[in-house]
Amino acid sequence: MPGVHDGFTTRMQGALIGIAALLACVPVLGLISRWGEVFPRWVPWLHERPVALPLAVVPGGLVALACCMSAPGIVVNAVRRGEALTVLLFPYPV
């Protein structure tokens, strides 16, 4: 994007991937928690039914794959731009 500092885009990329990783942890955490065994009553058509295993594993796996594939690029771009401090501030890729 013209006019935007490159360090900003690196920080935003790291922050967005980190937020996606946090959001993907919720359904995976439900696999080991009691609240993740059945759908709550307020969920229409699915209430009190057991939660299917792929419903939690697939989103978590996709985000894990995206994190693993994007981390080396974030580190390489930060080093090329001379922004190694940015990687230290957002240690997610490391």
N, C-alpha and C. Protein backbone atom coordinates (compact mmCIF):
# COMPACT_ATOMS: atom_id res chain seq x y z
N MET A 1 0.84 -1.18 0.00
CA MET A 1 0.00 0.00 0.00
C MET A 1 0.88 1.24 0.00
N PRO A 2 0.65 2.13 -0.91
CA PRO A 2 1.47 3.33 -0.96
C PRO A 2 1.19 4.24 0.23
N GLY A 3 2.26 4.79 0.75
CA GLY A 3 2.12 5.73 1.85
C GLY A 3 2.08 5.09 3.23
N VAL A 4 2.10 3.78 3.29
CA VAL A 4 2.05 3.10 4.57
C VAL A 4 3.45 2.57 4.87
N HIS A 5 3.91 2.80 6.07
CA HIS A 5 5.23 2.34 6.47
C HIS A 5 5.26 0.82 6.48
N ASP A 6 6.34 0.22 5.99
CA ASP A 6 6.46 -1.23 5.90
C ASP A 6 6.40 -1.90 7.27
N GLY A 7 6.88 -1.24 8.29
CA GLY A 7 6.83 -1.81 9.63
C GLY A 7 5.40 -2.00 10.11
N PHE A 8 4.53 -1.09 9.69
CA PHE A 8 3.12 -1.20 10.05
C PHE A 8 2.50 -2.46 9.46
N THR A 9 2.79 -2.73 8.19
CA THR A 9 2.22 -3.91 7.55
C THR A 9 2.75 -5.19 8.19
N THR A 10 4.00 -5.20 8.58
CA THR A 10 4.56 -6.37 9.25
C THR A 10 3.88 -6.60 10.59
N ARG A 11 3.68 -5.52 11.34
CA ARG A 11 3.00 -5.64 12.64
C ARG A 11 1.55 -6.08 12.47
N MET A 12 0.87 -5.55 11.47
CA MET A 12 -0.52 -5.93 11.24
C MET A 12 -0.63 -7.39 10.83
N GLN A 13 0.27 -7.84 9.99
CA GLN A 13 0.26 -9.24 9.57
C GLN A 13 0.45 -10.15 10.78
N GLY A 14 1.41 -9.85 11.60
CA GLY A 14 1.65 -10.65 12.80
C GLY A 14 0.48 -10.60 13.76
N ALA A 15 -0.10 -9.42 13.93
CA ALA A 15 -1.22 -9.28 14.86
C ALA A 15 -2.45 -10.04 14.37
N LEU A 16 -2.75 -9.96 13.08
CA LEU A 16 -3.92 -10.65 12.55
C LEU A 16 -3.76 -12.17 12.61
N ILE A 17 -2.58 -12.66 12.34
CA ILE A 17 -2.36 -14.10 12.43
C ILE A 17 -2.43 -14.55 13.88
N GLY A 18 -1.92 -13.73 14.79
CA GLY A 18 -2.02 -14.06 16.21
C GLY A 18 -3.45 -14.09 16.70
N ILE A 19 -4.27 -13.15 16.24
CA ILE A 19 -5.69 -13.13 16.62
C ILE A 19 -6.40 -14.36 16.06
N ALA A 20 -6.09 -14.73 14.83
CA ALA A 20 -6.70 -15.94 14.25
C ALA A 20 -6.31 -17.18 15.06
N ALA A 21 -5.07 -17.24 15.51
CA ALA A 21 -4.64 -18.37 16.32
C ALA A 21 -5.39 -18.42 17.65
N LEU A 22 -5.60 -17.26 18.26
CA LEU A 22 -6.35 -17.23 19.51
C LEU A 22 -7.80 -17.66 19.31
N LEU A 23 -8.43 -17.20 18.23
CA LEU A 23 -9.81 -17.57 17.96
C LEU A 23 -9.95 -19.06 17.64
N ALA A 24 -8.96 -19.65 17.01
CA ALA A 24 -9.01 -21.07 16.70
C ALA A 24 -8.80 -21.93 17.93
N CYS A 25 -8.23 -21.36 18.98
CA CYS A 25 -8.02 -22.13 20.21
C CYS A 25 -9.32 -22.43 20.93
N VAL A 26 -10.33 -21.60 20.76
CA VAL A 26 -11.59 -21.78 21.51
C VAL A 26 -12.26 -23.11 21.17
N PRO A 27 -12.50 -23.46 19.89
CA PRO A 27 -13.14 -24.75 19.65
C PRO A 27 -12.26 -25.93 20.02
N VAL A 28 -10.95 -25.79 19.88
CA VAL A 28 -10.07 -26.87 20.26
C VAL A 28 -10.06 -27.04 21.78
N LEU A 29 -10.12 -25.95 22.51
CA LEU A 29 -10.23 -26.02 23.97
C LEU A 29 -11.53 -26.71 24.38
N GLY A 30 -12.57 -26.53 23.58
CA GLY A 30 -13.84 -27.19 23.85
C GLY A 30 -13.75 -28.70 23.79
N LEU A 31 -12.77 -29.24 23.07
CA LEU A 31 -12.61 -30.70 23.00
C LEU A 31 -12.28 -31.30 24.36
N ILE A 32 -11.60 -30.54 25.20
CA ILE A 32 -11.20 -31.09 26.49
C ILE A 32 -12.02 -30.52 27.64
N SER A 33 -12.96 -29.63 27.33
CA SER A 33 -13.79 -29.01 28.36
C SER A 33 -15.19 -29.62 28.33
N ARG A 34 -15.86 -29.54 29.46
CA ARG A 34 -17.21 -30.10 29.54
C ARG A 34 -18.18 -29.33 28.64
N TRP A 35 -17.99 -28.01 28.51
CA TRP A 35 -18.90 -27.22 27.69
C TRP A 35 -18.75 -27.51 26.21
N GLY A 36 -17.71 -28.22 25.81
CA GLY A 36 -17.50 -28.54 24.41
C GLY A 36 -18.03 -29.90 23.99
N GLU A 37 -18.68 -30.62 24.89
CA GLU A 37 -19.17 -31.95 24.56
C GLU A 37 -20.50 -31.93 23.82
N VAL A 38 -21.39 -31.01 24.20
CA VAL A 38 -22.69 -30.88 23.54
C VAL A 38 -22.95 -29.42 23.22
N PHE A 39 -23.77 -29.19 22.20
CA PHE A 39 -24.13 -27.82 21.85
C PHE A 39 -25.01 -27.22 22.94
N PRO A 40 -24.87 -25.94 23.25
CA PRO A 40 -25.72 -25.31 24.26
C PRO A 40 -27.17 -25.23 23.81
N ARG A 41 -28.05 -24.97 24.75
CA ARG A 41 -29.48 -24.91 24.45
C ARG A 41 -29.85 -23.78 23.50
N TRP A 42 -29.10 -22.71 23.51
CA TRP A 42 -29.46 -21.55 22.69
C TRP A 42 -29.10 -21.72 21.22
N VAL A 43 -28.41 -22.80 20.84
CA VAL A 43 -28.07 -23.03 19.43
C VAL A 43 -29.25 -23.73 18.74
N PRO A 44 -29.89 -23.07 17.78
CA PRO A 44 -31.05 -23.67 17.13
C PRO A 44 -30.70 -24.95 16.37
N TRP A 45 -31.58 -25.90 16.37
CA TRP A 45 -31.50 -27.18 15.66
C TRP A 45 -30.42 -28.12 16.17
N LEU A 46 -29.44 -27.62 16.91
CA LEU A 46 -28.34 -28.48 17.37
C LEU A 46 -28.29 -28.63 18.88
N HIS A 47 -29.15 -27.94 19.61
CA HIS A 47 -29.05 -27.93 21.07
C HIS A 47 -29.13 -29.34 21.65
N GLU A 48 -28.29 -29.56 22.62
CA GLU A 48 -28.18 -30.82 23.36
C GLU A 48 -27.67 -31.99 22.52
N ARG A 49 -27.20 -31.75 21.33
CA ARG A 49 -26.61 -32.81 20.51
C ARG A 49 -25.10 -32.79 20.71
N PRO A 50 -24.44 -33.94 20.57
CA PRO A 50 -22.98 -33.96 20.72
C PRO A 50 -22.27 -33.18 19.62
N VAL A 51 -21.18 -32.56 19.98
CA VAL A 51 -20.37 -31.80 19.01
C VAL A 51 -19.50 -32.78 18.25
N ALA A 52 -19.52 -32.68 16.93
CA ALA A 52 -18.69 -33.55 16.09
C ALA A 52 -17.22 -33.15 16.22
N LEU A 53 -16.37 -34.12 16.28
CA LEU A 53 -14.93 -33.88 16.43
C LEU A 53 -14.35 -33.00 15.31
N PRO A 54 -14.70 -33.24 14.04
CA PRO A 54 -14.13 -32.40 12.98
C PRO A 54 -14.53 -30.93 13.08
N LEU A 55 -15.63 -30.64 13.75
CA LEU A 55 -16.08 -29.25 13.88
C LEU A 55 -15.07 -28.41 14.66
N ALA A 56 -14.30 -29.02 15.52
CA ALA A 56 -13.27 -28.31 16.27
C ALA A 56 -11.88 -28.53 15.69
N VAL A 57 -11.63 -29.72 15.19
CA VAL A 57 -10.28 -30.05 14.72
C VAL A 57 -9.94 -29.37 13.39
N VAL A 58 -10.90 -29.29 12.48
CA VAL A 58 -10.61 -28.72 11.16
C VAL A 58 -10.25 -27.24 11.24
N PRO A 59 -11.04 -26.37 11.92
CA PRO A 59 -10.61 -24.96 12.00
C PRO A 59 -9.27 -24.80 12.73
N GLY A 60 -9.08 -25.55 13.79
CA GLY A 60 -7.81 -25.46 14.52
C GLY A 60 -6.64 -25.89 13.66
N GLY A 61 -6.82 -26.96 12.90
CA GLY A 61 -5.77 -27.44 12.02
C GLY A 61 -5.45 -26.47 10.89
N LEU A 62 -6.50 -25.85 10.33
CA LEU A 62 -6.28 -24.89 9.25
C LEU A 62 -5.52 -23.66 9.73
N VAL A 63 -5.88 -23.18 10.90
CA VAL A 63 -5.17 -22.01 11.44
C VAL A 63 -3.74 -22.38 11.81
N ALA A 64 -3.55 -23.58 12.36
CA ALA A 64 -2.18 -24.03 12.68
C ALA A 64 -1.34 -24.12 11.41
N LEU A 65 -1.93 -24.63 10.35
CA LEU A 65 -1.22 -24.71 9.07
C LEU A 65 -0.88 -23.32 8.55
N ALA A 66 -1.83 -22.40 8.62
CA ALA A 66 -1.58 -21.03 8.16
C ALA A 66 -0.49 -20.36 8.99
N CYS A 67 -0.50 -20.60 10.29
CA CYS A 67 0.54 -20.01 11.15
C CYS A 67 1.91 -20.56 10.82
N CYS A 68 2.00 -21.86 10.61
CA CYS A 68 3.29 -22.48 10.30
C CYS A 68 3.82 -22.03 8.94
N MET A 69 2.92 -21.82 8.00
CA MET A 69 3.36 -21.41 6.66
C MET A 69 3.70 -19.92 6.59
N SER A 70 3.08 -19.10 7.42
CA SER A 70 3.33 -17.66 7.34
C SER A 70 4.49 -17.19 8.21
N ALA A 71 4.82 -17.92 9.25
CA ALA A 71 5.85 -17.48 10.18
C ALA A 71 7.22 -17.26 9.52
N PRO A 72 7.72 -18.18 8.70
CA PRO A 72 9.03 -17.91 8.08
C PRO A 72 9.03 -16.66 7.21
N GLY A 73 7.94 -16.40 6.50
CA GLY A 73 7.87 -15.21 5.66
C GLY A 73 7.92 -13.93 6.47
N ILE A 74 7.26 -13.93 7.61
CA ILE A 74 7.28 -12.74 8.47
C ILE A 74 8.70 -12.48 8.96
N VAL A 75 9.39 -13.52 9.38
CA VAL A 75 10.76 -13.35 9.88
C VAL A 75 11.69 -12.88 8.77
N VAL A 76 11.61 -13.51 7.60
CA VAL A 76 12.49 -13.14 6.48
C VAL A 76 12.24 -11.70 6.05
N ASN A 77 10.99 -11.30 5.92
CA ASN A 77 10.69 -9.93 5.51
C ASN A 77 11.16 -8.91 6.54
N ALA A 78 11.02 -9.23 7.82
CA ALA A 78 11.47 -8.31 8.86
C ALA A 78 12.99 -8.15 8.83
N VAL A 79 13.69 -9.23 8.61
CA VAL A 79 15.16 -9.15 8.56
C VAL A 79 15.61 -8.40 7.31
N ARG A 80 14.97 -8.64 6.18
CA ARG A 80 15.34 -7.94 4.94
C ARG A 80 15.13 -6.44 5.05
N ARG A 81 14.09 -6.03 5.75
CA ARG A 81 13.79 -4.61 5.91
C ARG A 81 14.56 -3.98 7.05
N GLY A 82 15.33 -4.77 7.77
CA GLY A 82 16.08 -4.24 8.91
C GLY A 82 15.19 -3.99 10.12
N GLU A 83 14.12 -4.74 10.24
CA GLU A 83 13.17 -4.56 11.33
C GLU A 83 13.18 -5.76 12.28
N ALA A 84 14.36 -6.22 12.62
CA ALA A 84 14.45 -7.38 13.51
C ALA A 84 13.80 -7.08 14.86
N LEU A 85 13.79 -5.83 15.26
CA LEU A 85 13.16 -5.45 16.52
C LEU A 85 11.66 -5.72 16.47
N THR A 86 11.05 -5.57 15.31
CA THR A 86 9.62 -5.85 15.16
C THR A 86 9.34 -7.31 15.46
N VAL A 87 10.20 -8.21 15.01
CA VAL A 87 10.01 -9.64 15.28
C VAL A 87 10.18 -9.91 16.77
N LEU A 88 11.06 -9.17 17.42
CA LEU A 88 11.22 -9.35 18.86
C LEU A 88 10.02 -8.83 19.63
N LEU A 89 9.38 -7.78 19.13
CA LEU A 89 8.20 -7.25 19.80
C LEU A 89 6.99 -8.16 19.61
N PHE A 90 6.90 -8.81 18.46
CA PHE A 90 5.83 -9.76 18.18
C PHE A 90 6.48 -11.13 17.98
N PRO A 91 6.77 -11.86 19.06
CA PRO A 91 7.55 -13.09 18.94
C PRO A 91 6.78 -14.27 18.37
N TYR A 92 5.54 -14.06 17.92
CA TYR A 92 4.74 -15.16 17.36
C TYR A 92 5.47 -15.94 16.27
N PRO A 93 6.08 -15.29 15.25
CA PRO A 93 6.70 -16.08 14.19
C PRO A 93 7.87 -16.91 14.67
N VAL A 94 8.57 -16.44 15.68
CA VAL A 94 9.74 -17.17 16.17
C VAL A 94 9.27 -18.42 16.88
